Amino acid sequence: MANMRKKSLLIGINYTGSAHALSGCHSDIDNIAEFLNYRGYSNDHRSRIILADIPDVPTQSPYFPTGHNILAAMDWLVSEPNCTLFLHYSGHGGQIRDTDGNRSTGLDDSIVPIDFEERGQISSTLLHEHLVTRMAPGCTLFIVLDCCHSGSAVELPFVYRSDADGQINLMDNLKAGAVLVGEASELIQGGFSYNKIGEARELLAGATSFFRGLKHMGEQEDEGLEQGEFAGQYGSEQKVVTMFSGCQDDQTSADARIQGKSTGAMTWAFLETMKREESPTYVQTLQITRQLLDQSNYSQIPQLSCGVELDLEQTPLII
């Protein structure tokens, strides 16, 4: 991995001057760029693209974060074989109508380009196509999405979440079915209670096919991934893509002010984790990031999703 060419794409959108303005997204990509320089990524134009709505980037520039430019830059990122790739996005995230029918909720996660009011948002289906399906052979891709509703924004088949005690739960969308339902059923034997239903919800990560049977007294279904979602499309791709997202599908990510500086809470927690651990495993990264957010009173729950199954306890981050 050490000798592979490294490429990075950094996207930061503050929506400056709009009713949707954020504060920390430009700082996020500056901080991530510094981190990547330390990790051996070049900042030349052949190896790094930065898209941002900053004053010195004209609106007609290919570096202005329109939907077209974002997708074009993603295509550039994944176009060459045998590369180590890094993508960071800091901006708004949303949910839009699912048009291809692979979501039980009827909603796709999305990211929000600067021109979303004219040209719409970029759905999780499009993100998967441009980042995963089109990725050249021999590449690895590491993604950090610091935005709302980002839990399954790239539609990767394996999703992991750390609980408050640091335990890692696998929400395997290819194998969810009977195994998860059986394990959750053990929690509710002997009668229903809100606590037990809460534990089962955590275990199944909102598997809506199961919780239709549990819903009562006006409780609402969680946003989540039903058994088999993404399996037919993506189950055989086996691309080495890993993503840390700032929150679950039904949560928001904080645009924060930490130590007097504007930043995305997820970006800050991820970089703090990297400062504490030179070569953390995936488990350590997810656990420490969650702890830092908890300690700073942010309720968002970071998630890790992968295109292949990984030994999270032993495998260091591929960055």
C-alpha atoms as a PDB file:
ATOM      1  CA  MET A   1       0.000   0.000   0.000  1.00  0.00           C
ATOM      2  CA  ALA A   2       2.850   2.375   0.817  1.00  0.00           C
ATOM      3  CA  ASN A   3       4.006   2.622  -2.812  1.00  0.00           C
ATOM      4  CA  MET A   4       0.570   3.112  -4.331  1.00  0.00           C
ATOM      5  CA  ARG A   5      -0.216   6.484  -5.833  1.00  0.00           C
ATOM      6  CA  LYS A   6      -2.373   8.577  -3.484  1.00  0.00           C
ATOM      7  CA  LYS A   7      -5.222  10.826  -4.634  1.00  0.00           C
ATOM      8  CA  SER A   8      -7.647  12.921  -2.590  1.00  0.00           C
ATOM      9  CA  LEU A   9     -10.862  14.853  -3.139  1.00  0.00           C
ATOM     10  CA  LEU A  10     -11.947  17.393  -0.516  1.00  0.00           C
ATOM     11  CA  ILE A  11     -15.362  19.084  -0.691  1.00  0.00           C
ATOM     12  CA  GLY A  12     -16.380  21.846   1.710  1.00  0.00           C
ATOM     13  CA  ILE A  13     -19.570  23.864   1.243  1.00  0.00           C
ATOM     14  CA  ASN A  14     -20.576  26.663   3.630  1.00  0.00           C
ATOM     15  CA  TYR A  15     -23.474  27.853   1.380  1.00  0.00           C
ATOM     16  CA  THR A  16     -22.145  31.332   2.001  1.00  0.00           C
ATOM     17  CA  GLY A  17     -24.728  34.111   1.846  1.00  0.00           C
ATOM     18  CA  SER A  18     -27.690  31.752   1.697  1.00  0.00           C
ATOM     19  CA  ALA A  19     -30.407  30.903   4.182  1.00  0.00           C
ATOM     20  CA  HIS A  20     -28.733  27.508   4.597  1.00  0.00           C
ATOM     21  CA  ALA A  21     -25.280  28.833   5.587  1.00  0.00           C
ATOM     22  CA  LEU A  22     -22.869  26.714   7.602  1.00  0.00           C
ATOM     23  CA  SER A  23     -19.687  27.860   9.341  1.00  0.00           C
ATOM     24  CA  GLY A  24     -17.160  25.072   9.625  1.00  0.00           C
ATOM     25  CA  CYS A  25     -16.964  23.294   6.268  1.00  0.00           C
ATOM     26  CA  HIS A  26     -14.086  25.308   4.792  1.00  0.00           C
ATOM     27  CA  SER A  27     -12.103  24.831   8.004  1.00  0.00           C
ATOM     28  CA  ASP A  28     -12.817  21.109   7.827  1.00  0.00           C
ATOM     29  CA  ILE A  29     -11.186  20.655   4.448  1.00  0.00           C
ATOM     30  CA  ASP A  30      -8.223  22.832   5.472  1.00  0.00           C
ATOM     31  CA  ASN A  31      -7.692  20.612   8.514  1.00  0.00           C
ATOM     32  CA  ILE A  32      -8.152  17.410   6.522  1.00  0.00           C
ATOM     33  CA  ALA A  33      -5.684  18.670   3.881  1.00  0.00           C
ATOM     34  CA  GLU A  34      -3.067  19.245   6.578  1.00  0.00           C
ATOM     35  CA  PHE A  35      -3.685  15.731   7.937  1.00  0.00           C
ATOM     36  CA  LEU A  36      -3.337  14.188   4.466  1.00  0.00           C
ATOM     37  CA  ASN A  37      -0.090  16.067   3.826  1.00  0.00           C
ATOM     38  CA  TYR A  38       1.266  14.481   6.986  1.00  0.00           C
ATOM     39  CA  ARG A  39       0.068  11.072   5.753  1.00  0.00           C
ATOM     40  CA  GLY A  40       1.984  11.329   2.498  1.00  0.00           C
ATOM     41  CA  TYR A  41      -0.685  12.666   0.147  1.00  0.00           C
ATOM     42  CA  SER A  42       0.546  15.196  -2.409  1.00  0.00           C
ATOM     43  CA  ASN A  43      -1.286  18.508  -2.744  1.00  0.00           C
ATOM     44  CA  ASP A  44      -0.411  19.010  -6.420  1.00  0.00           C
ATOM     45  CA  HIS A  45      -3.253  19.383  -8.927  1.00  0.00           C
ATOM     46  CA  ARG A  46      -2.586  15.940 -10.360  1.00  0.00           C
ATOM     47  CA  SER A  47      -3.219  14.317  -6.980  1.00  0.00           C
ATOM     48  CA  ARG A  48      -5.697  16.514  -5.104  1.00  0.00           C
ATOM     49  CA  ILE A  49      -8.876  18.344  -6.047  1.00  0.00           C
ATOM     50  CA  ILE A  50     -10.565  20.764  -3.650  1.00  0.00           C
ATOM     51  CA  LEU A  51     -14.097  22.003  -4.300  1.00  0.00           C
ATOM     52  CA  ALA A  52     -15.295  24.879  -2.106  1.00  0.00           C
ATOM     53  CA  ASP A  53     -17.570  27.915  -2.277  1.00  0.00           C
ATOM     54  CA  ILE A  54     -14.853  30.333  -1.229  1.00  0.00           C
ATOM     55  CA  PRO A  55     -14.615  33.899  -2.638  1.00  0.00           C
ATOM     56  CA  ASP A  56     -11.592  33.270  -4.877  1.00  0.00           C
ATOM     57  CA  VAL A  57     -13.300  30.362  -6.693  1.00  0.00           C
ATOM     58  CA  PRO A  58     -15.528  31.767  -9.490  1.00  0.00           C
ATOM     59  CA  THR A  59     -18.977  30.235  -9.808  1.00  0.00           C
ATOM     60  CA  GLN A  60     -18.089  29.054 -13.338  1.00  0.00           C
ATOM     61  CA  SER A  61     -14.898  27.353 -12.159  1.00  0.00           C
ATOM     62  CA  PRO A  62     -14.653  23.542 -12.249  1.00  0.00           C
ATOM     63  CA  TYR A  63     -13.642  23.839  -8.582  1.00  0.00           C
ATOM     64  CA  PHE A  64     -16.963  25.404  -7.525  1.00  0.00           C
ATOM     65  CA  PRO A  65     -19.005  22.668  -5.741  1.00  0.00           C
ATOM     66  CA  THR A  66     -21.936  22.302  -8.124  1.00  0.00           C
ATOM     67  CA  GLY A  67     -23.539  18.911  -8.541  1.00  0.00           C
ATOM     68  CA  HIS A  68     -21.927  18.464 -11.961  1.00  0.00           C
ATOM     69  CA  ASN A  69     -18.465  19.343 -10.669  1.00  0.00           C
ATOM     70  CA  ILE A  70     -18.784  17.097  -7.619  1.00  0.00           C
ATOM     71  CA  LEU A  71     -19.684  14.049  -9.730  1.00  0.00           C
ATOM     72  CA  ALA A  72     -16.964  14.867 -12.268  1.00  0.00           C
ATOM     73  CA  ALA A  73     -14.396  15.149  -9.476  1.00  0.00           C
ATOM     74  CA  MET A  74     -15.548  11.817  -8.031  1.00  0.00           C
ATOM     75  CA  ASP A  75     -15.086  10.219 -11.445  1.00  0.00           C
ATOM     76  CA  TRP A  76     -11.555  11.677 -11.560  1.00  0.00           C
ATOM     77  CA  LEU A  77     -10.800  10.337  -8.087  1.00  0.00           C
ATOM     78  CA  VAL A  78     -11.623   6.706  -8.894  1.00  0.00           C
ATOM     79  CA  SER A  79     -10.453   6.632 -12.525  1.00  0.00           C
ATOM     80  CA  GLU A  80      -6.898   5.244 -12.183  1.00  0.00           C
ATOM     81  CA  PRO A  81      -6.081   1.666 -11.139  1.00  0.00           C
ATOM     82  CA  ASN A  82      -3.921   0.757  -8.157  1.00  0.00           C
ATOM     83  CA  CYS A  83      -4.368   3.964  -6.145  1.00  0.00           C
ATOM     84  CA  THR A  84      -5.030   4.776  -2.494  1.00  0.00           C
ATOM     85  CA  LEU A  85      -7.948   7.223  -2.496  1.00  0.00           C
ATOM     86  CA  PHE A  86      -9.387   9.601   0.127  1.00  0.00           C
ATOM     87  CA  LEU A  87     -12.637  11.580  -0.028  1.00  0.00           C
ATOM     88  CA  HIS A  88     -13.861  14.089   2.517  1.00  0.00           C
ATOM     89  CA  TYR A  89     -17.210  15.871   2.270  1.00  0.00           C
ATOM     90  CA  SER A  90     -18.352  18.561   4.685  1.00  0.00           C
ATOM     91  CA  GLY A  91     -21.673  20.246   4.000  1.00  0.00           C
ATOM     92  CA  HIS A  92     -25.382  19.631   4.188  1.00  0.00           C
ATOM     93  CA  GLY A  93     -26.828  16.146   3.905  1.00  0.00           C
ATOM     94  CA  GLY A  94     -30.441  15.361   3.199  1.00  0.00           C
ATOM     95  CA  GLN A  95     -32.944  12.703   2.238  1.00  0.00           C
ATOM     96  CA  ILE A  96     -34.780  12.572  -1.074  1.00  0.00           C
ATOM     97  CA  ARG A  97     -37.282  10.239  -2.696  1.00  0.00           C
ATOM     98  CA  ASP A  98     -35.825   6.858  -3.591  1.00  0.00           C
ATOM     99  CA  THR A  99     -36.281   6.410  -7.333  1.00  0.00           C
ATOM    100  CA  ASP A 100     -34.867   2.912  -7.827  1.00  0.00           C
ATOM    101  CA  GLY A 101     -36.862   1.115  -5.130  1.00  0.00           C
ATOM    102  CA  ASN A 102     -33.988  -0.272  -3.032  1.00  0.00           C
ATOM    103  CA  ARG A 103     -34.977   1.533   0.194  1.00  0.00           C
ATOM    104  CA  SER A 104     -37.738   0.232   2.437  1.00  0.00           C
ATOM    105  CA  THR A 105     -38.265   3.760   3.759  1.00  0.00           C
ATOM    106  CA  GLY A 106     -38.693   5.227   0.276  1.00  0.00           C
ATOM    107  CA  LEU A 107     -35.882   7.718   1.002  1.00  0.00           C
ATOM    108  CA  ASP A 108     -32.311   7.935  -0.243  1.00  0.00           C
ATOM    109  CA  ASP A 109     -29.624   9.722   1.749  1.00  0.00           C
ATOM    110  CA  SER A 110     -28.093  12.579  -0.229  1.00  0.00           C
ATOM    111  CA  ILE A 111     -25.422  15.236  -0.244  1.00  0.00           C
ATOM    112  CA  VAL A 112     -26.321  18.818  -1.110  1.00  0.00           C
ATOM    113  CA  PRO A 113     -24.345  20.670  -3.824  1.00  0.00           C
ATOM    114  CA  ILE A 114     -24.217  24.459  -3.875  1.00  0.00           C
ATOM    115  CA  ASP A 115     -26.729  24.541  -6.766  1.00  0.00           C
ATOM    116  CA  PHE A 116     -29.208  22.099  -5.206  1.00  0.00           C
ATOM    117  CA  GLU A 117     -32.127  24.510  -5.467  1.00  0.00           C
ATOM    118  CA  GLU A 118     -31.793  24.571  -9.252  1.00  0.00           C
ATOM    119  CA  ARG A 119     -30.446  21.095 -10.007  1.00  0.00           C
ATOM    120  CA  GLY A 120     -31.299  18.958  -6.988  1.00  0.00           C
ATOM    121  CA  GLN A 121     -29.302  16.835  -4.572  1.00  0.00           C
ATOM    122  CA  ILE A 122     -26.952  13.905  -5.222  1.00  0.00           C
ATOM    123  CA  SER A 123     -28.557  10.664  -4.054  1.00  0.00           C
ATOM    124  CA  SER A 124     -26.866   7.737  -2.358  1.00  0.00           C
ATOM    125  CA  THR A 125     -27.531   5.695  -5.510  1.00  0.00           C
ATOM    126  CA  LEU A 126     -25.521   8.162  -7.600  1.00  0.00           C
ATOM    127  CA  LEU A 127     -22.775   8.337  -4.975  1.00  0.00           C
ATOM    128  CA  HIS A 128     -22.426   4.557  -5.046  1.00  0.00           C
ATOM    129  CA  GLU A 129     -22.320   4.471  -8.827  1.00  0.00           C
ATOM    130  CA  HIS A 130     -19.667   7.182  -9.170  1.00  0.00           C
ATOM    131  CA  LEU A 131     -17.490   6.178  -6.211  1.00  0.00           C
ATOM    132  CA  VAL A 132     -17.820   2.402  -5.938  1.00  0.00           C
ATOM    133  CA  THR A 133     -19.138   0.875  -9.151  1.00  0.00           C
ATOM    134  CA  ARG A 134     -16.814   3.011 -11.301  1.00  0.00           C
ATOM    135  CA  MET A 135     -13.744   2.596  -9.075  1.00  0.00           C
ATOM    136  CA  ALA A 136     -10.797   1.241 -11.070  1.00  0.00           C
ATOM    137  CA  PRO A 137      -9.267  -2.151 -10.159  1.00  0.00           C
ATOM    138  CA  GLY A 138      -6.696  -2.365  -7.398  1.00  0.00           C
ATOM    139  CA  CYS A 139      -7.829   0.770  -5.569  1.00  0.00           C
ATOM    140  CA  THR A 140      -8.821   1.388  -1.972  1.00  0.00           C
ATOM    141  CA  LEU A 141     -11.105   4.287  -1.049  1.00  0.00           C
ATOM    142  CA  PHE A 142     -11.520   5.850   2.403  1.00  0.00           C
ATOM    143  CA  ILE A 143     -14.417   8.306   2.864  1.00  0.00           C
ATOM    144  CA  VAL A 144     -15.333  10.714   5.656  1.00  0.00           C
ATOM    145  CA  LEU A 145     -18.816  12.207   5.304  1.00  0.00           C
ATOM    146  CA  ASP A 146     -19.487  14.993   7.799  1.00  0.00           C
ATOM    147  CA  CYS A 147     -23.125  15.747   7.086  1.00  0.00           C
ATOM    148  CA  CYS A 148     -26.634  14.940   8.247  1.00  0.00           C
ATOM    149  CA  HIS A 149     -28.434  11.728   7.249  1.00  0.00           C
ATOM    150  CA  SER A 150     -25.173  10.101   6.180  1.00  0.00           C
ATOM    151  CA  GLY A 151     -25.306   6.630   7.703  1.00  0.00           C
ATOM    152  CA  SER A 152     -25.815   4.765   4.421  1.00  0.00           C
ATOM    153  CA  ALA A 153     -25.090   7.587   1.995  1.00  0.00           C
ATOM    154  CA  VAL A 154     -22.848   5.462  -0.228  1.00  0.00           C
ATOM    155  CA  GLU A 155     -25.025   2.317   0.033  1.00  0.00           C
ATOM    156  CA  LEU A 156     -22.276  -0.019   1.237  1.00  0.00           C
ATOM    157  CA  PRO A 157     -23.417  -3.482   2.314  1.00  0.00           C
ATOM    158  CA  PHE A 158     -21.767  -3.767   5.766  1.00  0.00           C
ATOM    159  CA  VAL A 159     -22.532  -1.158   8.442  1.00  0.00           C
ATOM    160  CA  TYR A 160     -20.983  -1.003  11.912  1.00  0.00           C
ATOM    161  CA  ARG A 161     -21.910   1.167  14.877  1.00  0.00           C
ATOM    162  CA  SER A 162     -20.338   1.648  18.300  1.00  0.00           C
ATOM    163  CA  ASP A 163     -22.618   1.774  21.330  1.00  0.00           C
ATOM    164  CA  ALA A 164     -21.998   3.993  24.345  1.00  0.00           C
ATOM    165  CA  ASP A 165     -19.906   1.229  25.979  1.00  0.00           C
ATOM    166  CA  GLY A 166     -17.658   0.870  22.949  1.00  0.00           C
ATOM    167  CA  GLN A 167     -19.154  -2.396  21.715  1.00  0.00           C
ATOM    168  CA  ILE A 168     -19.308  -2.708  17.928  1.00  0.00           C
ATOM    169  CA  ASN A 169     -22.484  -4.004  16.305  1.00  0.00           C
ATOM    170  CA  LEU A 170     -22.508  -5.227  12.720  1.00  0.00           C
ATOM    171  CA  MET A 171     -25.566  -4.280  10.692  1.00  0.00           C
ATOM    172  CA  ASP A 172     -24.891  -6.664   7.796  1.00  0.00           C
ATOM    173  CA  ASN A 173     -27.449  -5.824   5.163  1.00  0.00           C
ATOM    174  CA  LEU A 174     -26.641  -8.952   3.170  1.00  0.00           C
ATOM    175  CA  LYS A 175     -27.239 -11.357   6.061  1.00  0.00           C
ATOM    176  CA  ALA A 176     -29.651  -9.461   8.303  1.00  0.00           C
ATOM    177  CA  GLY A 177     -32.802 -11.592   7.966  1.00  0.00           C
ATOM    178  CA  ALA A 178     -33.450 -14.526  10.227  1.00  0.00           C
ATOM    179  CA  VAL A 179     -30.291 -14.266  12.330  1.00  0.00           C
ATOM    180  CA  LEU A 180     -30.966 -10.733  13.526  1.00  0.00           C
ATOM    181  CA  VAL A 181     -34.655 -11.349  14.003  1.00  0.00           C
ATOM    182  CA  GLY A 182     -33.834 -14.419  16.073  1.00  0.00           C
ATOM    183  CA  GLU A 183     -31.348 -12.559  18.263  1.00  0.00           C
ATOM    184  CA  ALA A 184     -33.734  -9.670  18.738  1.00  0.00           C
ATOM    185  CA  SER A 185     -36.558 -12.044  19.613  1.00  0.00           C
ATOM    186  CA  GLU A 186     -34.557 -13.257  22.611  1.00  0.00           C
ATOM    187  CA  LEU A 187     -34.630  -9.714  23.966  1.00  0.00           C
ATOM    188  CA  ILE A 188     -38.411  -9.528  23.975  1.00  0.00           C
ATOM    189  CA  GLN A 189     -39.320 -12.967  25.321  1.00  0.00           C
ATOM    190  CA  GLY A 190     -41.492 -12.710  28.380  1.00  0.00           C
ATOM    191  CA  GLY A 191     -43.380  -9.631  27.243  1.00  0.00           C
ATOM    192  CA  PHE A 192     -42.830  -6.337  25.540  1.00  0.00           C
ATOM    193  CA  SER A 193     -41.285  -3.353  27.255  1.00  0.00           C
ATOM    194  CA  TYR A 194     -39.953  -0.094  25.941  1.00  0.00           C
ATOM    195  CA  ASN A 195     -36.467  -0.910  27.219  1.00  0.00           C
ATOM    196  CA  LYS A 196     -36.392  -4.253  25.475  1.00  0.00           C
ATOM    197  CA  ILE A 197     -37.771  -2.817  22.280  1.00  0.00           C
ATOM    198  CA  GLY A 198     -35.051  -0.163  22.479  1.00  0.00           C
ATOM    199  CA  GLU A 199     -32.379  -2.858  22.777  1.00  0.00           C
ATOM    200  CA  ALA A 200     -33.834  -4.735  19.853  1.00  0.00           C
ATOM    201  CA  ARG A 201     -33.953  -1.554  17.775  1.00  0.00           C
ATOM    202  CA  GLU A 202     -30.243  -1.035  18.490  1.00  0.00           C
ATOM    203  CA  LEU A 203     -29.442  -4.600  17.482  1.00  0.00           C
ATOM    204  CA  LEU A 204     -31.324  -4.480  14.231  1.00  0.00           C
ATOM    205  CA  ALA A 205     -30.342  -0.892  13.400  1.00  0.00           C
ATOM    206  CA  GLY A 206     -33.908  -0.111  12.446  1.00  0.00           C
ATOM    207  CA  ALA A 207     -34.574  -3.140  10.244  1.00  0.00           C
ATOM    208  CA  THR A 208     -38.062  -2.018   9.291  1.00  0.00           C
ATOM    209  CA  SER A 209     -39.331  -5.408   8.162  1.00  0.00           C
ATOM    210  CA  PHE A 210     -38.997  -6.654  11.735  1.00  0.00           C
ATOM    211  CA  PHE A 211     -40.168  -3.541  13.548  1.00  0.00           C
ATOM    212  CA  ARG A 212     -43.417  -3.380  11.644  1.00  0.00           C
ATOM    213  CA  GLY A 213     -44.371  -6.220  13.979  1.00  0.00           C
ATOM    214  CA  LEU A 214     -43.181  -4.377  17.097  1.00  0.00           C
ATOM    215  CA  LYS A 215     -44.661  -0.969  16.432  1.00  0.00           C
ATOM    216  CA  HIS A 216     -47.413  -0.070  18.854  1.00  0.00           C
ATOM    217  CA  MET A 217     -48.749   2.827  20.906  1.00  0.00           C
ATOM    218  CA  GLY A 218     -47.875   5.302  18.168  1.00  0.00           C
ATOM    219  CA  GLU A 219     -44.189   4.447  17.963  1.00  0.00           C
ATOM    220  CA  GLN A 220     -42.601   5.284  14.639  1.00  0.00           C
ATOM    221  CA  GLU A 221     -40.387   3.095  12.501  1.00  0.00           C
ATOM    222  CA  ASP A 222     -36.698   3.885  12.453  1.00  0.00           C
ATOM    223  CA  GLU A 223     -34.953   4.852   9.258  1.00  0.00           C
ATOM    224  CA  GLY A 224     -32.715   1.943   8.411  1.00  0.00           C
ATOM    225  CA  LEU A 225     -31.855  -0.871   6.069  1.00  0.00           C
ATOM    226  CA  GLU A 226     -34.224  -3.756   5.533  1.00  0.00           C
ATOM    227  CA  GLN A 227     -32.984  -7.266   4.861  1.00  0.00           C
ATOM    228  CA  GLY A 228     -31.490  -7.510   1.394  1.00  0.00           C
ATOM    229  CA  GLU A 229     -31.350  -3.794   0.627  1.00  0.00           C
ATOM    230  CA  PHE A 230     -28.397  -3.145  -1.703  1.00  0.00           C
ATOM    231  CA  ALA A 231     -27.651  -6.894  -1.806  1.00  0.00           C
ATOM    232  CA  GLY A 232     -28.746  -7.606  -5.366  1.00  0.00           C
ATOM    233  CA  GLN A 233     -27.008  -4.542  -6.743  1.00  0.00           C
ATOM    234  CA  TYR A 234     -23.855  -4.440  -4.668  1.00  0.00           C
ATOM    235  CA  GLY A 235     -23.381  -7.765  -2.928  1.00  0.00           C
ATOM    236  CA  SER A 236     -20.816  -9.071  -5.399  1.00  0.00           C
ATOM    237  CA  GLU A 237     -18.790  -5.901  -6.055  1.00  0.00           C
ATOM    238  CA  GLN A 238     -16.275  -6.572  -3.251  1.00  0.00           C
ATOM    239  CA  LYS A 239     -14.703  -3.125  -3.532  1.00  0.00           C
ATOM    240  CA  VAL A 240     -12.347  -2.051  -0.733  1.00  0.00           C
ATOM    241  CA  VAL A 241     -14.308   1.060   0.195  1.00  0.00           C
ATOM    242  CA  THR A 242     -14.697   2.181   3.817  1.00  0.00           C
ATOM    243  CA  MET A 243     -16.654   5.177   5.054  1.00  0.00           C
ATOM    244  CA  PHE A 244     -16.934   6.947   8.386  1.00  0.00           C
ATOM    245  CA  SER A 245     -20.168   8.930   8.488  1.00  0.00           C
ATOM    246  CA  GLY A 246     -21.021  11.593  11.020  1.00  0.00           C
ATOM    247  CA  CYS A 247     -24.337  10.109  12.089  1.00  0.00           C
ATOM    248  CA  GLN A 248     -27.083   7.603  11.432  1.00  0.00           C
ATOM    249  CA  ASP A 249     -29.550   8.017   8.583  1.00  0.00           C
ATOM    250  CA  ASP A 250     -32.148   9.649  10.835  1.00  0.00           C
ATOM    251  CA  GLN A 251     -29.746  12.021  12.645  1.00  0.00           C
ATOM    252  CA  THR A 252     -28.125  15.379  12.051  1.00  0.00           C
ATOM    253  CA  SER A 253     -24.415  16.224  12.256  1.00  0.00           C
ATOM    254  CA  ALA A 254     -23.382  19.270  14.237  1.00  0.00           C
ATOM    255  CA  ASP A 255     -21.855  22.387  12.696  1.00  0.00           C
ATOM    256  CA  ALA A 256     -19.848  23.095  15.825  1.00  0.00           C
ATOM    257  CA  ARG A 257     -17.540  25.625  17.427  1.00  0.00           C
ATOM    258  CA  ILE A 258     -14.740  23.859  19.302  1.00  0.00           C
ATOM    259  CA  GLN A 259     -11.819  25.617  20.982  1.00  0.00           C
ATOM    260  CA  GLY A 260     -12.960  28.872  19.418  1.00  0.00           C
ATOM    261  CA  LYS A 261     -12.988  27.537  15.846  1.00  0.00           C
ATOM    262  CA  SER A 262     -15.827  26.543  13.540  1.00  0.00           C
ATOM    263  CA  THR A 263     -15.702  22.888  12.517  1.00  0.00           C
ATOM    264  CA  GLY A 264     -17.849  19.893  11.807  1.00  0.00           C
ATOM    265  CA  ALA A 265     -18.100  17.805  14.973  1.00  0.00           C
ATOM    266  CA  MET A 266     -17.390  14.564  13.103  1.00  0.00           C
ATOM    267  CA  THR A 267     -14.333  15.975  11.309  1.00  0.00           C
ATOM    268  CA  TRP A 268     -12.965  17.288  14.604  1.00  0.00           C
ATOM    269  CA  ALA A 269     -13.506  13.948  16.380  1.00  0.00           C
ATOM    270  CA  PHE A 270     -11.943  11.970  13.527  1.00  0.00           C
ATOM    271  CA  LEU A 271      -8.835  14.165  13.421  1.00  0.00           C
ATOM    272  CA  GLU A 272      -8.521  14.083  17.215  1.00  0.00           C
ATOM    273  CA  THR A 273      -8.608  10.291  17.011  1.00  0.00           C
ATOM    274  CA  MET A 274      -5.847  10.346  14.399  1.00  0.00           C
ATOM    275  CA  LYS A 275      -3.731  12.541  16.706  1.00  0.00           C
ATOM    276  CA  ARG A 276      -4.138  10.100  19.584  1.00  0.00           C
ATOM    277  CA  GLU A 277      -3.448   6.939  17.587  1.00  0.00           C
ATOM    278  CA  GLU A 278      -0.834   6.797  14.834  1.00  0.00           C
ATOM    279  CA  SER A 279      -2.222   3.616  13.252  1.00  0.00           C
ATOM    280  CA  PRO A 280      -5.578   2.783  14.854  1.00  0.00           C
ATOM    281  CA  THR A 281      -7.702  -0.174  13.861  1.00  0.00           C
ATOM    282  CA  TYR A 282     -11.186   0.378  12.517  1.00  0.00           C
ATOM    283  CA  VAL A 283     -12.637  -0.593  15.910  1.00  0.00           C
ATOM    284  CA  GLN A 284     -10.418   1.870  17.775  1.00  0.00           C
ATOM    285  CA  THR A 285     -11.257   4.678  15.371  1.00  0.00           C
ATOM    286  CA  LEU A 286     -14.997   4.115  15.643  1.00  0.00           C
ATOM    287  CA  GLN A 287     -14.857   3.773  19.438  1.00  0.00           C
ATOM    288  CA  ILE A 288     -12.671   6.817  20.097  1.00  0.00           C
ATOM    289  CA  THR A 289     -14.622   8.984  17.658  1.00  0.00           C
ATOM    290  CA  ARG A 290     -17.881   8.023  19.409  1.00  0.00           C
ATOM    291  CA  GLN A 291     -16.333   8.704  22.841  1.00  0.00           C
ATOM    292  CA  LEU A 292     -15.121  12.148  21.820  1.00  0.00           C
ATOM    293  CA  LEU A 293     -18.538  13.103  20.472  1.00  0.00           C
ATOM    294  CA  ASP A 294     -20.256  11.768  23.602  1.00  0.00           C
ATOM    295  CA  GLN A 295     -17.856  13.616  25.903  1.00  0.00           C
ATOM    296  CA  SER A 296     -18.547  16.835  24.016  1.00  0.00           C
ATOM    297  CA  ASN A 297     -22.320  16.282  24.368  1.00  0.00           C
ATOM    298  CA  TYR A 298     -23.016  15.611  20.695  1.00  0.00           C
ATOM    299  CA  SER A 299     -25.798  13.059  20.318  1.00  0.00           C
ATOM    300  CA  GLN A 300     -24.891  11.988  16.784  1.00  0.00           C
ATOM    301  CA  ILE A 301     -23.671   8.395  16.443  1.00  0.00           C
ATOM    302  CA  PRO A 302     -20.850   7.879  13.935  1.00  0.00           C
ATOM    303  CA  GLN A 303     -20.987   4.797  11.742  1.00  0.00           C
ATOM    304  CA  LEU A 304     -18.545   2.780   9.689  1.00  0.00           C
ATOM    305  CA  SER A 305     -19.674   1.126   6.481  1.00  0.00           C
ATOM    306  CA  CYS A 306     -17.647  -1.109   4.191  1.00  0.00           C
ATOM    307  CA  GLY A 307     -17.821  -2.681   0.773  1.00  0.00           C
ATOM    308  CA  VAL A 308     -16.244  -5.891   2.119  1.00  0.00           C
ATOM    309  CA  GLU A 309     -16.182  -7.592   5.498  1.00  0.00           C
ATOM    310  CA  LEU A 310     -13.141  -6.604   7.555  1.00  0.00           C
ATOM    311  CA  ASP A 311     -11.438  -7.835  10.697  1.00  0.00           C
ATOM    312  CA  LEU A 312     -12.172  -4.606  12.540  1.00  0.00           C
ATOM    313  CA  GLU A 313     -10.192  -5.576  15.621  1.00  0.00           C
ATOM    314  CA  GLN A 314      -6.939  -6.228  13.745  1.00  0.00           C
ATOM    315  CA  THR A 315      -7.045  -4.180  10.546  1.00  0.00           C
ATOM    316  CA  PRO A 316      -5.498  -0.677  10.725  1.00  0.00           C
ATOM    317  CA  LEU A 317      -7.197   2.068   8.746  1.00  0.00           C
ATOM    318  CA  ILE A 318      -6.263   1.989   5.073  1.00  0.00           C
ATOM    319  CA  ILE A 319      -5.560   5.674   4.411  1.00  0.00           C
END
